[in-house]
Amino acid sequence: MHTPASLYEYAASAESTYRTLLSEFGPGTVHVGRNEARRQMEAARACAAWMEANGFSEIANVGPYMGTTISRGDKVYIRKGARIDGTGSTIPREGADLKRRQLVTVVSVDRGYLDFSEPSRNPKIVQGRVHWAGAGGYWRWTDINNVELASGSD
């Protein structure tokens, strides 16, 4: 489980690595390790800030930090009350809340990531998603934090 504190610790560790490599490989040089350490530092800070802003004290998956391992063909339960989205006319544009726990077979999983396409300095946190085939062949999906692996699927 990820907490804001654990993500800030990870960011501090990445920042230490970044600063060490920055002193050895200053501006104007190309160093993959230095650049990756900075990216990790910024990502961890953004995810921790997002968790705090959204009231999460701990969460299994936040942006690119995925703690849940689900693959195509796995059977998972979608939790009651989960917000689901989908194609077809039975799911409104803003999504719908699941009225009961539902067992589904995973078709695909999207990993979470940070979206830097907005002009602001703060990236948008995009959560991982799980997709399955719904009634009538229409696609359904939900946040990966709304699912739990069914016993015997692993």
N, C-alpha and C. Protein backbone atom coordinates (compact mmCIF):
# COMPACT_ATOMS: atom_id res chain seq x y z
N MET A 1 0.83 -1.18 0.00
CA MET A 1 0.00 0.00 0.00
C MET A 1 0.88 1.25 0.00
N HIS A 2 0.45 2.22 -0.75
CA HIS A 2 1.16 3.49 -0.81
C HIS A 2 0.49 4.49 0.11
N THR A 3 1.32 5.28 0.79
CA THR A 3 0.84 6.38 1.63
C THR A 3 1.54 7.64 1.16
N PRO A 4 0.99 8.81 1.48
CA PRO A 4 1.71 10.03 1.12
C PRO A 4 3.12 10.05 1.72
N ALA A 5 3.24 9.59 2.97
CA ALA A 5 4.56 9.58 3.63
C ALA A 5 5.54 8.68 2.89
N SER A 6 5.10 7.48 2.46
CA SER A 6 6.01 6.57 1.76
C SER A 6 6.42 7.14 0.41
N LEU A 7 5.50 7.83 -0.26
CA LEU A 7 5.83 8.44 -1.54
C LEU A 7 6.79 9.62 -1.37
N TYR A 8 6.60 10.41 -0.30
CA TYR A 8 7.53 11.51 -0.04
C TYR A 8 8.92 10.97 0.32
N GLU A 9 8.99 9.84 1.03
CA GLU A 9 10.29 9.20 1.32
C GLU A 9 10.96 8.75 0.03
N TYR A 10 10.19 8.14 -0.85
CA TYR A 10 10.72 7.70 -2.13
C TYR A 10 11.21 8.90 -2.94
N ALA A 11 10.46 10.00 -2.90
CA ALA A 11 10.86 11.22 -3.62
C ALA A 11 12.16 11.77 -3.05
N ALA A 12 12.32 11.72 -1.73
CA ALA A 12 13.56 12.22 -1.11
C ALA A 12 14.75 11.36 -1.52
N SER A 13 14.56 10.06 -1.59
CA SER A 13 15.63 9.15 -2.02
C SER A 13 16.00 9.43 -3.48
N ALA A 14 15.00 9.60 -4.32
CA ALA A 14 15.26 9.90 -5.74
C ALA A 14 15.94 11.25 -5.89
N GLU A 15 15.55 12.21 -5.05
CA GLU A 15 16.19 13.53 -5.11
C GLU A 15 17.66 13.44 -4.72
N SER A 16 17.97 12.62 -3.71
CA SER A 16 19.36 12.43 -3.30
C SER A 16 20.18 11.85 -4.46
N THR A 17 19.64 10.85 -5.12
CA THR A 17 20.31 10.26 -6.28
C THR A 17 20.48 11.30 -7.38
N TYR A 18 19.43 12.06 -7.63
CA TYR A 18 19.48 13.10 -8.66
C TYR A 18 20.57 14.12 -8.36
N ARG A 19 20.63 14.60 -7.13
CA ARG A 19 21.62 15.63 -6.77
C ARG A 19 23.05 15.10 -6.88
N THR A 20 23.26 13.84 -6.49
CA THR A 20 24.59 13.23 -6.61
C THR A 20 24.99 13.16 -8.08
N LEU A 21 24.10 12.68 -8.92
CA LEU A 21 24.40 12.56 -10.34
C LEU A 21 24.51 13.94 -11.01
N LEU A 22 23.76 14.91 -10.52
CA LEU A 22 23.83 16.26 -11.07
C LEU A 22 25.20 16.88 -10.82
N SER A 23 25.79 16.59 -9.66
CA SER A 23 27.12 17.13 -9.38
C SER A 23 28.19 16.49 -10.27
N GLU A 24 27.98 15.24 -10.66
CA GLU A 24 28.93 14.55 -11.53
C GLU A 24 28.68 14.86 -13.01
N PHE A 25 27.40 14.96 -13.37
CA PHE A 25 27.02 15.19 -14.76
C PHE A 25 26.13 16.42 -14.80
N GLY A 26 26.73 17.58 -14.87
CA GLY A 26 26.02 18.86 -14.77
C GLY A 26 25.12 19.15 -15.95
N PRO A 27 24.46 20.31 -15.89
CA PRO A 27 23.58 20.73 -16.98
C PRO A 27 24.35 20.76 -18.30
N GLY A 28 23.67 20.38 -19.35
CA GLY A 28 24.30 20.36 -20.67
C GLY A 28 24.84 19.00 -21.05
N THR A 29 24.87 18.07 -20.08
CA THR A 29 25.29 16.71 -20.39
C THR A 29 24.06 15.81 -20.39
N VAL A 30 24.16 14.70 -21.07
CA VAL A 30 23.06 13.75 -21.10
C VAL A 30 23.41 12.59 -20.19
N HIS A 31 22.53 12.32 -19.22
CA HIS A 31 22.73 11.19 -18.32
C HIS A 31 21.35 10.60 -18.00
N VAL A 32 21.11 9.40 -18.48
CA VAL A 32 19.81 8.77 -18.33
C VAL A 32 19.45 8.56 -16.86
N GLY A 33 20.39 8.12 -16.05
CA GLY A 33 20.14 7.87 -14.63
C GLY A 33 19.73 9.15 -13.89
N ARG A 34 20.43 10.24 -14.18
CA ARG A 34 20.11 11.52 -13.55
C ARG A 34 18.69 11.96 -13.93
N ASN A 35 18.38 11.88 -15.21
CA ASN A 35 17.06 12.30 -15.69
C ASN A 35 15.95 11.41 -15.11
N GLU A 36 16.21 10.12 -15.03
CA GLU A 36 15.21 9.19 -14.47
C GLU A 36 14.99 9.46 -12.99
N ALA A 37 16.06 9.76 -12.24
CA ALA A 37 15.92 10.08 -10.82
C ALA A 37 15.06 11.33 -10.63
N ARG A 38 15.26 12.33 -11.47
CA ARG A 38 14.43 13.54 -11.37
C ARG A 38 12.98 13.23 -11.70
N ARG A 39 12.75 12.42 -12.73
CA ARG A 39 11.38 12.06 -13.11
C ARG A 39 10.69 11.31 -11.97
N GLN A 40 11.41 10.37 -11.34
CA GLN A 40 10.85 9.62 -10.22
C GLN A 40 10.55 10.54 -9.03
N MET A 41 11.44 11.48 -8.76
CA MET A 41 11.24 12.44 -7.68
C MET A 41 9.96 13.24 -7.91
N GLU A 42 9.80 13.78 -9.11
CA GLU A 42 8.62 14.59 -9.43
C GLU A 42 7.34 13.76 -9.42
N ALA A 43 7.41 12.53 -9.93
CA ALA A 43 6.24 11.66 -9.97
C ALA A 43 5.78 11.30 -8.57
N ALA A 44 6.71 10.93 -7.70
CA ALA A 44 6.35 10.54 -6.34
C ALA A 44 5.74 11.73 -5.58
N ARG A 45 6.30 12.89 -5.74
CA ARG A 45 5.74 14.09 -5.08
C ARG A 45 4.34 14.40 -5.60
N ALA A 46 4.15 14.31 -6.91
CA ALA A 46 2.84 14.59 -7.50
C ALA A 46 1.79 13.59 -7.00
N CYS A 47 2.16 12.33 -6.92
CA CYS A 47 1.21 11.30 -6.46
C CYS A 47 0.88 11.48 -4.98
N ALA A 48 1.88 11.82 -4.18
CA ALA A 48 1.64 12.06 -2.75
C ALA A 48 0.71 13.26 -2.56
N ALA A 49 0.96 14.33 -3.30
CA ALA A 49 0.11 15.52 -3.21
C ALA A 49 -1.31 15.20 -3.66
N TRP A 50 -1.46 14.38 -4.72
CA TRP A 50 -2.78 13.99 -5.21
C TRP A 50 -3.52 13.19 -4.14
N MET A 51 -2.81 12.27 -3.48
CA MET A 51 -3.44 11.48 -2.42
C MET A 51 -3.94 12.39 -1.30
N GLU A 52 -3.12 13.33 -0.88
CA GLU A 52 -3.51 14.25 0.18
C GLU A 52 -4.71 15.10 -0.25
N ALA A 53 -4.69 15.60 -1.47
CA ALA A 53 -5.78 16.45 -1.96
C ALA A 53 -7.09 15.69 -2.09
N ASN A 54 -7.02 14.39 -2.34
CA ASN A 54 -8.22 13.58 -2.51
C ASN A 54 -8.59 12.76 -1.28
N GLY A 55 -7.91 12.98 -0.18
CA GLY A 55 -8.27 12.35 1.09
C GLY A 55 -7.90 10.88 1.23
N PHE A 56 -6.89 10.41 0.50
CA PHE A 56 -6.45 9.02 0.63
C PHE A 56 -5.31 8.92 1.64
N SER A 57 -5.48 8.11 2.68
CA SER A 57 -4.38 7.90 3.61
C SER A 57 -3.50 6.75 3.14
N GLU A 58 -4.08 5.79 2.43
CA GLU A 58 -3.32 4.73 1.77
C GLU A 58 -4.13 4.18 0.62
N ILE A 59 -3.41 3.72 -0.39
CA ILE A 59 -4.06 3.21 -1.60
C ILE A 59 -3.09 2.24 -2.27
N ALA A 60 -3.62 1.19 -2.89
CA ALA A 60 -2.76 0.17 -3.52
C ALA A 60 -2.14 0.66 -4.82
N ASN A 61 -2.87 1.49 -5.56
CA ASN A 61 -2.41 1.95 -6.87
C ASN A 61 -2.63 3.45 -6.97
N VAL A 62 -1.56 4.17 -7.30
CA VAL A 62 -1.68 5.60 -7.51
C VAL A 62 -0.79 5.98 -8.68
N GLY A 63 -1.42 6.45 -9.78
CA GLY A 63 -0.66 6.80 -10.97
C GLY A 63 0.23 5.65 -11.42
N PRO A 64 1.53 5.90 -11.64
CA PRO A 64 2.41 4.85 -12.14
C PRO A 64 2.84 3.84 -11.07
N TYR A 65 2.49 4.08 -9.83
CA TYR A 65 2.88 3.18 -8.73
C TYR A 65 1.79 2.14 -8.53
N MET A 66 1.97 1.01 -9.21
CA MET A 66 0.96 -0.04 -9.23
C MET A 66 1.33 -1.16 -8.28
N GLY A 67 0.45 -1.42 -7.31
CA GLY A 67 0.66 -2.52 -6.38
C GLY A 67 -0.17 -3.74 -6.72
N THR A 68 -1.15 -3.59 -7.58
CA THR A 68 -2.04 -4.68 -7.97
C THR A 68 -1.57 -5.27 -9.29
N THR A 69 -1.44 -6.59 -9.32
CA THR A 69 -1.03 -7.27 -10.53
C THR A 69 -2.21 -8.08 -11.07
N ILE A 70 -2.74 -7.63 -12.17
CA ILE A 70 -3.87 -8.30 -12.82
C ILE A 70 -3.52 -8.44 -14.29
N SER A 71 -3.88 -9.58 -14.88
CA SER A 71 -3.59 -9.85 -16.28
C SER A 71 -4.85 -10.25 -17.03
N ARG A 72 -4.74 -10.22 -18.34
CA ARG A 72 -5.83 -10.66 -19.22
C ARG A 72 -6.24 -12.08 -18.83
N GLY A 73 -7.53 -12.30 -18.74
CA GLY A 73 -8.06 -13.62 -18.42
C GLY A 73 -8.30 -13.85 -16.93
N ASP A 74 -7.75 -13.01 -16.07
CA ASP A 74 -7.99 -13.15 -14.62
C ASP A 74 -9.45 -12.86 -14.31
N LYS A 75 -9.96 -13.54 -13.32
CA LYS A 75 -11.31 -13.26 -12.83
C LYS A 75 -11.15 -12.35 -11.62
N VAL A 76 -11.89 -11.23 -11.64
CA VAL A 76 -11.82 -10.26 -10.55
C VAL A 76 -13.23 -9.88 -10.12
N TYR A 77 -13.35 -9.45 -8.88
CA TYR A 77 -14.59 -8.89 -8.38
C TYR A 77 -14.51 -7.37 -8.47
N ILE A 78 -15.55 -6.76 -9.01
CA ILE A 78 -15.70 -5.31 -9.00
C ILE A 78 -16.50 -5.01 -7.73
N ARG A 79 -15.99 -4.15 -6.89
CA ARG A 79 -16.62 -3.86 -5.61
C ARG A 79 -17.96 -3.13 -5.77
N LYS A 80 -18.90 -3.44 -4.88
CA LYS A 80 -20.18 -2.75 -4.85
C LYS A 80 -19.92 -1.26 -4.64
N GLY A 81 -20.63 -0.44 -5.38
CA GLY A 81 -20.48 1.01 -5.26
C GLY A 81 -19.40 1.60 -6.16
N ALA A 82 -18.65 0.74 -6.85
CA ALA A 82 -17.59 1.22 -7.74
C ALA A 82 -18.19 2.01 -8.90
N ARG A 83 -17.50 3.07 -9.30
CA ARG A 83 -17.92 3.85 -10.47
C ARG A 83 -17.42 3.12 -11.70
N ILE A 84 -18.34 2.74 -12.58
CA ILE A 84 -17.95 2.08 -13.82
C ILE A 84 -18.34 2.94 -15.01
N ASP A 85 -17.55 2.84 -16.05
CA ASP A 85 -17.82 3.53 -17.31
C ASP A 85 -17.99 2.47 -18.38
N GLY A 86 -18.56 2.85 -19.50
CA GLY A 86 -18.73 1.88 -20.56
C GLY A 86 -19.31 2.47 -21.82
N THR A 87 -19.31 1.63 -22.84
CA THR A 87 -19.94 2.00 -24.10
C THR A 87 -21.37 1.50 -24.05
N GLY A 88 -22.18 1.93 -24.97
CA GLY A 88 -23.58 1.50 -24.97
C GLY A 88 -24.44 2.51 -24.22
N SER A 89 -25.74 2.37 -24.38
CA SER A 89 -26.67 3.37 -23.85
C SER A 89 -27.04 3.16 -22.39
N THR A 90 -26.69 2.03 -21.78
CA THR A 90 -27.10 1.77 -20.40
C THR A 90 -26.19 2.46 -19.37
N ILE A 91 -25.02 2.90 -19.78
CA ILE A 91 -24.11 3.60 -18.88
C ILE A 91 -24.07 5.07 -19.29
N PRO A 92 -24.47 5.99 -18.40
CA PRO A 92 -24.43 7.41 -18.78
C PRO A 92 -22.99 7.91 -18.95
N ARG A 93 -22.85 9.04 -19.57
CA ARG A 93 -21.53 9.62 -19.86
C ARG A 93 -20.68 9.78 -18.61
N GLU A 94 -21.30 10.15 -17.48
CA GLU A 94 -20.55 10.37 -16.24
C GLU A 94 -20.29 9.08 -15.47
N GLY A 95 -20.71 7.94 -16.02
CA GLY A 95 -20.50 6.65 -15.37
C GLY A 95 -21.68 6.29 -14.49
N ALA A 96 -21.61 5.12 -13.91
CA ALA A 96 -22.68 4.63 -13.03
C ALA A 96 -22.05 3.89 -11.86
N ASP A 97 -22.74 3.92 -10.73
CA ASP A 97 -22.27 3.19 -9.56
C ASP A 97 -22.81 1.77 -9.60
N LEU A 98 -21.92 0.82 -9.39
CA LEU A 98 -22.31 -0.59 -9.41
C LEU A 98 -23.16 -0.89 -8.18
N LYS A 99 -24.30 -1.50 -8.37
CA LYS A 99 -25.23 -1.74 -7.28
C LYS A 99 -24.93 -3.01 -6.49
N ARG A 100 -24.13 -3.89 -7.07
CA ARG A 100 -23.76 -5.13 -6.36
C ARG A 100 -22.35 -5.55 -6.78
N ARG A 101 -21.73 -6.35 -5.99
CA ARG A 101 -20.41 -6.90 -6.33
C ARG A 101 -20.57 -7.77 -7.57
N GLN A 102 -19.62 -7.68 -8.48
CA GLN A 102 -19.76 -8.39 -9.75
C GLN A 102 -18.46 -9.10 -10.12
N LEU A 103 -18.57 -10.36 -10.53
CA LEU A 103 -17.43 -11.14 -11.00
C LEU A 103 -17.31 -10.96 -12.51
N VAL A 104 -16.11 -10.56 -12.97
CA VAL A 104 -15.89 -10.37 -14.41
C VAL A 104 -14.55 -11.00 -14.80
N THR A 105 -14.38 -11.22 -16.10
CA THR A 105 -13.12 -11.70 -16.64
C THR A 105 -12.41 -10.53 -17.31
N VAL A 106 -11.19 -10.28 -16.91
CA VAL A 106 -10.41 -9.13 -17.40
C VAL A 106 -10.04 -9.33 -18.87
N VAL A 107 -10.29 -8.31 -19.68
CA VAL A 107 -9.90 -8.31 -21.08
C VAL A 107 -8.57 -7.58 -21.24
N SER A 108 -8.43 -6.44 -20.53
CA SER A 108 -7.18 -5.70 -20.59
C SER A 108 -7.03 -4.82 -19.35
N VAL A 109 -5.79 -4.41 -19.12
CA VAL A 109 -5.47 -3.54 -17.98
C VAL A 109 -4.61 -2.38 -18.50
N ASP A 110 -5.00 -1.17 -18.16
CA ASP A 110 -4.20 0.01 -18.48
C ASP A 110 -3.44 0.39 -17.22
N ARG A 111 -2.13 0.58 -17.33
CA ARG A 111 -1.34 1.04 -16.21
C ARG A 111 -1.62 2.52 -15.96
N GLY A 112 -1.47 2.94 -14.72
CA GLY A 112 -1.61 4.35 -14.38
C GLY A 112 -0.39 5.13 -14.84
N TYR A 113 -0.53 6.42 -14.99
CA TYR A 113 0.59 7.26 -15.43
C TYR A 113 0.34 8.71 -15.04
N LEU A 114 1.33 9.55 -15.30
CA LEU A 114 1.20 10.99 -15.10
C LEU A 114 1.08 11.65 -16.46
N ASP A 115 0.08 12.49 -16.62
CA ASP A 115 -0.18 13.18 -17.89
C ASP A 115 0.38 14.60 -17.79
N PHE A 116 1.44 14.86 -18.55
CA PHE A 116 2.08 16.17 -18.54
C PHE A 116 1.61 17.06 -19.69
N SER A 117 0.51 16.70 -20.35
CA SER A 117 0.07 17.44 -21.53
C SER A 117 -0.54 18.79 -21.19
N GLU A 118 -1.00 18.98 -19.97
CA GLU A 118 -1.56 20.27 -19.57
C GLU A 118 -0.44 21.29 -19.44
N PRO A 119 -0.71 22.54 -19.73
CA PRO A 119 0.34 23.55 -19.68
C PRO A 119 0.83 23.88 -18.27
N SER A 120 0.07 23.51 -17.24
CA SER A 120 0.52 23.80 -15.87
C SER A 120 1.70 22.91 -15.49
N ARG A 121 2.40 23.26 -14.42
CA ARG A 121 3.54 22.47 -13.96
C ARG A 121 3.11 21.19 -13.26
N ASN A 122 1.85 21.11 -12.82
CA ASN A 122 1.39 19.94 -12.09
C ASN A 122 0.81 18.91 -13.05
N PRO A 123 1.36 17.70 -13.05
CA PRO A 123 0.81 16.67 -13.95
C PRO A 123 -0.52 16.14 -13.42
N LYS A 124 -1.33 15.63 -14.33
CA LYS A 124 -2.60 15.00 -13.97
C LYS A 124 -2.32 13.54 -13.65
N ILE A 125 -2.84 13.05 -12.53
CA ILE A 125 -2.67 11.65 -12.15
C ILE A 125 -3.77 10.85 -12.86
N VAL A 126 -3.37 9.88 -13.67
CA VAL A 126 -4.32 9.01 -14.37
C VAL A 126 -4.19 7.63 -13.74
N GLN A 127 -5.27 7.17 -13.14
CA GLN A 127 -5.28 5.88 -12.46
C GLN A 127 -5.35 4.72 -13.46
N GLY A 128 -4.83 3.57 -13.06
CA GLY A 128 -4.92 2.36 -13.87
C GLY A 128 -6.38 1.94 -14.00
N ARG A 129 -6.70 1.23 -15.08
CA ARG A 129 -8.07 0.80 -15.32
C ARG A 129 -8.10 -0.67 -15.72
N VAL A 130 -9.20 -1.31 -15.37
CA VAL A 130 -9.46 -2.70 -15.75
C VAL A 130 -10.66 -2.69 -16.70
N HIS A 131 -10.54 -3.43 -17.82
CA HIS A 131 -11.60 -3.49 -18.84
C HIS A 131 -12.16 -4.91 -18.90
N TRP A 132 -13.47 -5.02 -19.16
CA TRP A 132 -14.11 -6.31 -19.36
C TRP A 132 -15.27 -6.13 -20.34
N ALA A 133 -15.77 -7.25 -20.86
CA ALA A 133 -16.91 -7.22 -21.77
C ALA A 133 -18.18 -7.27 -20.94
N GLY A 134 -19.05 -6.29 -21.13
CA GLY A 134 -20.30 -6.23 -20.39
C GLY A 134 -21.44 -6.85 -21.18
N ALA A 135 -22.65 -6.65 -20.68
CA ALA A 135 -23.85 -7.19 -21.32
C ALA A 135 -23.98 -6.65 -22.73
N GLY A 136 -24.38 -7.51 -23.65
CA GLY A 136 -24.58 -7.10 -25.04
C GLY A 136 -23.29 -6.85 -25.80
N GLY A 137 -22.15 -7.23 -25.23
CA GLY A 137 -20.88 -7.05 -25.90
C GLY A 137 -20.30 -5.65 -25.77
N TYR A 138 -20.93 -4.81 -24.95
CA TYR A 138 -20.41 -3.46 -24.74
C TYR A 138 -19.28 -3.49 -23.72
N TRP A 139 -18.27 -2.65 -23.92
CA TRP A 139 -17.12 -2.61 -23.02
C TRP A 139 -17.43 -1.86 -21.74
N ARG A 140 -16.82 -2.32 -20.66
CA ARG A 140 -16.94 -1.69 -19.36
C ARG A 140 -15.53 -1.52 -18.79
N TRP A 141 -15.34 -0.52 -17.94
CA TRP A 141 -14.06 -0.35 -17.27
C TRP A 141 -14.25 0.41 -15.96
N THR A 142 -13.27 0.25 -15.07
CA THR A 142 -13.27 0.93 -13.77
C THR A 142 -11.84 1.12 -13.28
N ASP A 143 -11.68 1.98 -12.31
CA ASP A 143 -10.40 2.22 -11.65
C ASP A 143 -9.89 0.89 -11.07
N ILE A 144 -8.62 0.62 -11.22
CA ILE A 144 -8.03 -0.63 -10.75
C ILE A 144 -8.16 -0.80 -9.23
N ASN A 145 -8.33 0.30 -8.51
CA ASN A 145 -8.51 0.21 -7.06
C ASN A 145 -9.89 -0.33 -6.68
N ASN A 146 -10.80 -0.46 -7.64
CA ASN A 146 -12.14 -0.98 -7.39
C ASN A 146 -12.25 -2.49 -7.57
N VAL A 147 -11.14 -3.15 -7.85
CA VAL A 147 -11.20 -4.59 -8.12
C VAL A 147 -10.39 -5.38 -7.09
N GLU A 148 -10.78 -6.62 -6.91
CA GLU A 148 -10.01 -7.56 -6.10
C GLU A 148 -9.98 -8.90 -6.83
N LEU A 149 -8.80 -9.53 -6.82
CA LEU A 149 -8.62 -10.80 -7.51
C LEU A 149 -9.50 -11.86 -6.87
N ALA A 150 -10.23 -12.61 -7.69
CA ALA A 150 -11.07 -13.70 -7.19
C ALA A 150 -10.18 -14.86 -6.77
N SER A 151 -10.53 -15.56 -5.73
CA SER A 151 -9.75 -16.70 -5.25
C SER A 151 -9.62 -17.74 -6.34
N GLY A 152 -8.42 -18.29 -6.48
CA GLY A 152 -8.18 -19.32 -7.47
C GLY A 152 -7.82 -18.78 -8.84
N SER A 153 -7.76 -17.45 -9.01
CA SER A 153 -7.41 -16.87 -10.31
C SER A 153 -5.92 -16.85 -10.54
N ASP A 154 -5.14 -16.86 -9.49
CA ASP A 154 -3.70 -16.77 -9.67
C ASP A 154 -3.13 -18.12 -9.88
